[in-house]
Amino acid sequence: MFLKKKKKKNKLLLTKKIIRKISLHEVTVTNTTNALYQERLIKLFQLLFNYQIEITAMLLSFKYPFFYPRNKDLYPKHALSNIMNKLKGKFSDILKKEF
């Protein structure tokens, strides 16, 4: 009895095949709903990326509470809730317009 050696699969070749299949699939999307959902997902990710910069800017502009103890908005808890509320408002407005 002869034992057959298992062939090692070339990983690079496999990934190329997978990429080719994906690209062919994207080109031949016949279902319009799939295409629409893809476009919406892309838009959503672009929006998230754009607002990621704005979120970091908001967090960086956030002041420390012990400088102005009288102003409640400058305490960390209140400041974070304010930022979250602003972002919720912006996102809901944008999502209503875009989708």
N, C-alpha and C. Protein backbone atom coordinates (compact mmCIF):
# COMPACT_ATOMS: atom_id res chain seq x y z
N MET A 1 0.83 -1.20 0.00
CA MET A 1 0.00 0.00 0.00
C MET A 1 0.87 1.25 0.00
N PHE A 2 0.54 2.11 -0.91
CA PHE A 2 1.26 3.37 -0.98
C PHE A 2 0.44 4.47 -0.32
N LEU A 3 1.11 5.26 0.49
CA LEU A 3 0.43 6.38 1.14
C LEU A 3 0.55 7.61 0.24
N LYS A 4 -0.58 8.25 0.02
CA LYS A 4 -0.55 9.46 -0.80
C LYS A 4 -0.18 10.65 0.07
N LYS A 5 0.68 11.48 -0.47
CA LYS A 5 1.04 12.71 0.24
C LYS A 5 -0.03 13.76 -0.02
N LYS A 6 -0.38 14.46 1.04
CA LYS A 6 -1.35 15.54 0.88
C LYS A 6 -0.65 16.74 0.27
N LYS A 7 -1.30 17.31 -0.72
CA LYS A 7 -0.72 18.49 -1.35
C LYS A 7 -0.97 19.70 -0.45
N LYS A 8 0.05 20.50 -0.30
CA LYS A 8 -0.11 21.74 0.46
C LYS A 8 -0.75 22.77 -0.46
N LYS A 9 -1.78 23.38 0.05
CA LYS A 9 -2.47 24.39 -0.76
C LYS A 9 -1.72 25.71 -0.63
N ASN A 10 -1.56 26.33 -1.75
CA ASN A 10 -0.91 27.63 -1.77
C ASN A 10 -1.90 28.68 -1.26
N LYS A 11 -1.60 29.28 -0.12
CA LYS A 11 -2.53 30.23 0.50
C LYS A 11 -2.73 31.47 -0.35
N LEU A 12 -1.66 31.93 -0.98
CA LEU A 12 -1.75 33.12 -1.82
C LEU A 12 -2.69 32.87 -2.99
N LEU A 13 -2.54 31.70 -3.59
CA LEU A 13 -3.41 31.34 -4.72
C LEU A 13 -4.86 31.27 -4.27
N LEU A 14 -5.09 30.69 -3.10
CA LEU A 14 -6.45 30.60 -2.57
C LEU A 14 -7.06 31.99 -2.35
N THR A 15 -6.28 32.89 -1.77
CA THR A 15 -6.80 34.24 -1.52
C THR A 15 -7.09 34.94 -2.84
N LYS A 16 -6.23 34.73 -3.84
CA LYS A 16 -6.48 35.33 -5.16
C LYS A 16 -7.79 34.83 -5.74
N LYS A 17 -8.03 33.51 -5.60
CA LYS A 17 -9.28 32.93 -6.11
C LYS A 17 -10.48 33.51 -5.39
N ILE A 18 -10.36 33.64 -4.07
CA ILE A 18 -11.47 34.19 -3.27
C ILE A 18 -11.75 35.63 -3.68
N ILE A 19 -10.67 36.41 -3.85
CA ILE A 19 -10.83 37.82 -4.24
C ILE A 19 -11.50 37.91 -5.61
N ARG A 20 -11.07 37.03 -6.52
CA ARG A 20 -11.65 37.02 -7.86
C ARG A 20 -13.14 36.70 -7.79
N LYS A 21 -13.49 35.72 -6.97
CA LYS A 21 -14.91 35.34 -6.81
C LYS A 21 -15.72 36.50 -6.26
N ILE A 22 -15.16 37.17 -5.26
CA ILE A 22 -15.87 38.30 -4.64
C ILE A 22 -16.08 39.41 -5.66
N SER A 23 -15.02 39.73 -6.41
CA SER A 23 -15.13 40.83 -7.38
C SER A 23 -16.12 40.48 -8.48
N LEU A 24 -16.12 39.21 -8.92
CA LEU A 24 -17.09 38.78 -9.92
C LEU A 24 -18.51 38.87 -9.37
N HIS A 25 -18.67 38.50 -8.12
CA HIS A 25 -19.99 38.55 -7.48
C HIS A 25 -20.48 40.00 -7.38
N GLU A 26 -19.57 40.91 -7.04
CA GLU A 26 -19.96 42.31 -6.91
C GLU A 26 -20.37 42.90 -8.25
N VAL A 27 -19.69 42.46 -9.31
CA VAL A 27 -20.02 42.97 -10.64
C VAL A 27 -21.38 42.44 -11.08
N THR A 28 -21.66 41.18 -10.76
CA THR A 28 -22.91 40.56 -11.22
C THR A 28 -23.98 40.54 -10.14
N VAL A 29 -24.17 41.65 -9.47
CA VAL A 29 -25.26 41.73 -8.49
C VAL A 29 -26.53 42.02 -9.27
N THR A 30 -27.40 41.03 -9.32
CA THR A 30 -28.64 41.20 -10.08
C THR A 30 -29.75 41.73 -9.19
N ASN A 31 -29.70 41.37 -7.93
CA ASN A 31 -30.74 41.80 -7.00
C ASN A 31 -30.51 43.25 -6.61
N THR A 32 -31.46 44.11 -6.93
CA THR A 32 -31.28 45.54 -6.68
C THR A 32 -31.25 45.86 -5.19
N THR A 33 -31.99 45.09 -4.40
CA THR A 33 -32.01 45.37 -2.96
C THR A 33 -30.64 45.15 -2.35
N ASN A 34 -29.93 44.12 -2.79
CA ASN A 34 -28.57 43.89 -2.29
C ASN A 34 -27.67 45.07 -2.61
N ALA A 35 -27.77 45.57 -3.82
CA ALA A 35 -26.95 46.71 -4.24
C ALA A 35 -27.29 47.93 -3.39
N LEU A 36 -28.58 48.14 -3.15
CA LEU A 36 -29.00 49.28 -2.33
C LEU A 36 -28.46 49.17 -0.91
N TYR A 37 -28.56 47.98 -0.34
CA TYR A 37 -28.05 47.78 1.01
C TYR A 37 -26.54 47.99 1.07
N GLN A 38 -25.83 47.54 0.03
CA GLN A 38 -24.38 47.75 -0.01
C GLN A 38 -24.06 49.24 -0.02
N GLU A 39 -24.79 50.00 -0.86
CA GLU A 39 -24.57 51.45 -0.92
C GLU A 39 -24.85 52.10 0.43
N ARG A 40 -25.92 51.68 1.07
CA ARG A 40 -26.27 52.26 2.38
C ARG A 40 -25.21 51.95 3.42
N LEU A 41 -24.71 50.72 3.41
CA LEU A 41 -23.66 50.35 4.36
C LEU A 41 -22.42 51.19 4.14
N ILE A 42 -22.05 51.37 2.88
CA ILE A 42 -20.86 52.17 2.56
C ILE A 42 -21.05 53.60 3.06
N LYS A 43 -22.25 54.17 2.81
CA LYS A 43 -22.54 55.53 3.28
C LYS A 43 -22.44 55.62 4.80
N LEU A 44 -23.00 54.61 5.47
CA LEU A 44 -23.00 54.61 6.93
C LEU A 44 -21.59 54.57 7.48
N PHE A 45 -20.73 53.72 6.88
CA PHE A 45 -19.35 53.65 7.35
C PHE A 45 -18.60 54.95 7.08
N GLN A 46 -18.90 55.59 5.95
CA GLN A 46 -18.27 56.88 5.67
C GLN A 46 -18.68 57.92 6.70
N LEU A 47 -19.97 57.93 7.03
CA LEU A 47 -20.46 58.86 8.05
C LEU A 47 -19.80 58.61 9.39
N LEU A 48 -19.71 57.34 9.77
CA LEU A 48 -19.08 57.00 11.04
C LEU A 48 -17.64 57.46 11.07
N PHE A 49 -16.93 57.29 9.96
CA PHE A 49 -15.53 57.70 9.90
C PHE A 49 -15.41 59.21 10.02
N ASN A 50 -16.30 59.94 9.32
CA ASN A 50 -16.27 61.40 9.38
C ASN A 50 -16.55 61.90 10.79
N TYR A 51 -17.51 61.27 11.46
CA TYR A 51 -17.86 61.72 12.80
C TYR A 51 -16.90 61.24 13.87
N GLN A 52 -16.10 60.24 13.55
CA GLN A 52 -15.09 59.78 14.51
C GLN A 52 -14.13 60.93 14.82
N ILE A 53 -13.78 61.69 13.79
CA ILE A 53 -12.89 62.84 13.96
C ILE A 53 -13.56 63.88 14.85
N GLU A 54 -14.84 64.10 14.61
CA GLU A 54 -15.58 65.10 15.39
C GLU A 54 -15.71 64.68 16.86
N ILE A 55 -15.93 63.39 17.09
CA ILE A 55 -16.05 62.87 18.46
C ILE A 55 -14.75 63.11 19.22
N THR A 56 -13.62 62.80 18.58
CA THR A 56 -12.32 62.99 19.25
C THR A 56 -12.09 64.47 19.53
N ALA A 57 -12.51 65.33 18.60
CA ALA A 57 -12.35 66.77 18.81
C ALA A 57 -13.18 67.23 20.01
N MET A 58 -14.41 66.70 20.11
CA MET A 58 -15.27 67.04 21.26
C MET A 58 -14.63 66.59 22.57
N LEU A 59 -14.11 65.38 22.56
CA LEU A 59 -13.51 64.84 23.79
C LEU A 59 -12.24 65.60 24.16
N LEU A 60 -11.49 66.05 23.16
CA LEU A 60 -10.27 66.81 23.45
C LEU A 60 -10.59 68.21 23.96
N SER A 61 -11.70 68.79 23.48
CA SER A 61 -12.06 70.14 23.91
C SER A 61 -12.70 70.15 25.30
N PHE A 62 -13.00 68.97 25.81
CA PHE A 62 -13.62 68.80 27.12
C PHE A 62 -12.70 69.33 28.22
N LYS A 63 -13.24 70.22 29.09
CA LYS A 63 -12.42 70.85 30.14
C LYS A 63 -12.53 70.06 31.44
N TYR A 64 -11.53 70.22 32.27
CA TYR A 64 -11.52 69.51 33.55
C TYR A 64 -12.44 70.20 34.56
N PRO A 65 -13.10 69.44 35.43
CA PRO A 65 -14.11 70.00 36.32
C PRO A 65 -13.57 70.91 37.41
N PHE A 66 -12.32 70.68 37.83
CA PHE A 66 -11.86 71.46 38.98
C PHE A 66 -11.48 72.89 38.63
N PHE A 67 -11.46 73.23 37.35
CA PHE A 67 -11.19 74.63 36.99
C PHE A 67 -12.44 75.48 37.19
N TYR A 68 -13.59 74.94 36.78
CA TYR A 68 -14.85 75.66 36.92
C TYR A 68 -15.86 74.78 37.66
N PRO A 69 -15.76 74.68 38.97
CA PRO A 69 -16.63 73.75 39.70
C PRO A 69 -18.10 74.16 39.71
N ARG A 70 -18.40 75.43 39.43
CA ARG A 70 -19.79 75.89 39.49
C ARG A 70 -20.59 75.41 38.27
N ASN A 71 -19.90 75.25 37.16
CA ASN A 71 -20.60 74.87 35.93
C ASN A 71 -20.73 73.35 35.86
N LYS A 72 -21.96 72.86 35.98
CA LYS A 72 -22.18 71.41 36.00
C LYS A 72 -21.85 70.75 34.67
N ASP A 73 -21.96 71.50 33.57
CA ASP A 73 -21.69 70.92 32.24
C ASP A 73 -20.24 70.50 32.08
N LEU A 74 -19.37 71.03 32.92
CA LEU A 74 -17.95 70.72 32.76
C LEU A 74 -17.52 69.50 33.57
N TYR A 75 -18.41 68.95 34.37
CA TYR A 75 -18.06 67.72 35.07
C TYR A 75 -18.05 66.56 34.08
N PRO A 76 -17.19 65.58 34.30
CA PRO A 76 -17.05 64.50 33.31
C PRO A 76 -18.36 63.80 32.95
N LYS A 77 -19.15 63.48 33.98
CA LYS A 77 -20.41 62.76 33.73
C LYS A 77 -21.33 63.58 32.83
N HIS A 78 -21.50 64.86 33.18
CA HIS A 78 -22.40 65.72 32.42
C HIS A 78 -21.85 65.99 31.03
N ALA A 79 -20.53 66.20 30.95
CA ALA A 79 -19.93 66.50 29.66
C ALA A 79 -20.10 65.32 28.71
N LEU A 80 -19.86 64.11 29.21
CA LEU A 80 -20.00 62.93 28.36
C LEU A 80 -21.45 62.73 27.92
N SER A 81 -22.38 62.96 28.84
CA SER A 81 -23.79 62.80 28.46
C SER A 81 -24.19 63.86 27.44
N ASN A 82 -23.65 65.09 27.58
CA ASN A 82 -23.94 66.15 26.60
C ASN A 82 -23.41 65.77 25.23
N ILE A 83 -22.18 65.24 25.20
CA ILE A 83 -21.58 64.83 23.93
C ILE A 83 -22.42 63.72 23.30
N MET A 84 -22.83 62.75 24.11
CA MET A 84 -23.63 61.65 23.57
C MET A 84 -24.96 62.14 23.02
N ASN A 85 -25.58 63.08 23.72
CA ASN A 85 -26.86 63.62 23.25
C ASN A 85 -26.69 64.37 21.93
N LYS A 86 -25.60 65.16 21.83
CA LYS A 86 -25.34 65.89 20.59
C LYS A 86 -25.15 64.91 19.43
N LEU A 87 -24.37 63.87 19.69
CA LEU A 87 -24.10 62.89 18.64
C LEU A 87 -25.37 62.14 18.24
N LYS A 88 -26.20 61.80 19.23
CA LYS A 88 -27.47 61.11 18.92
C LYS A 88 -28.33 61.98 18.02
N GLY A 89 -28.39 63.26 18.36
CA GLY A 89 -29.18 64.19 17.55
C GLY A 89 -28.65 64.28 16.13
N LYS A 90 -27.34 64.43 16.00
CA LYS A 90 -26.74 64.55 14.67
C LYS A 90 -26.96 63.29 13.86
N PHE A 91 -26.72 62.14 14.49
CA PHE A 91 -26.85 60.88 13.76
C PHE A 91 -28.29 60.63 13.35
N SER A 92 -29.24 60.93 14.23
CA SER A 92 -30.64 60.68 13.87
C SER A 92 -31.05 61.58 12.71
N ASP A 93 -30.60 62.84 12.72
CA ASP A 93 -30.92 63.76 11.62
C ASP A 93 -30.33 63.26 10.31
N ILE A 94 -29.05 62.87 10.37
CA ILE A 94 -28.37 62.42 9.15
C ILE A 94 -28.98 61.13 8.62
N LEU A 95 -29.27 60.20 9.52
CA LEU A 95 -29.85 58.93 9.09
C LEU A 95 -31.24 59.12 8.49
N LYS A 96 -31.99 60.09 9.01
CA LYS A 96 -33.31 60.37 8.43
C LYS A 96 -33.16 60.94 7.02
N LYS A 97 -32.16 61.82 6.82
CA LYS A 97 -31.94 62.42 5.50
C LYS A 97 -31.42 61.39 4.50
N GLU A 98 -30.41 60.62 4.93
CA GLU A 98 -29.73 59.70 4.01
C GLU A 98 -30.56 58.47 3.68
N PHE A 99 -31.27 57.94 4.68
CA PHE A 99 -31.96 56.66 4.46
C PHE A 99 -33.45 56.84 4.52
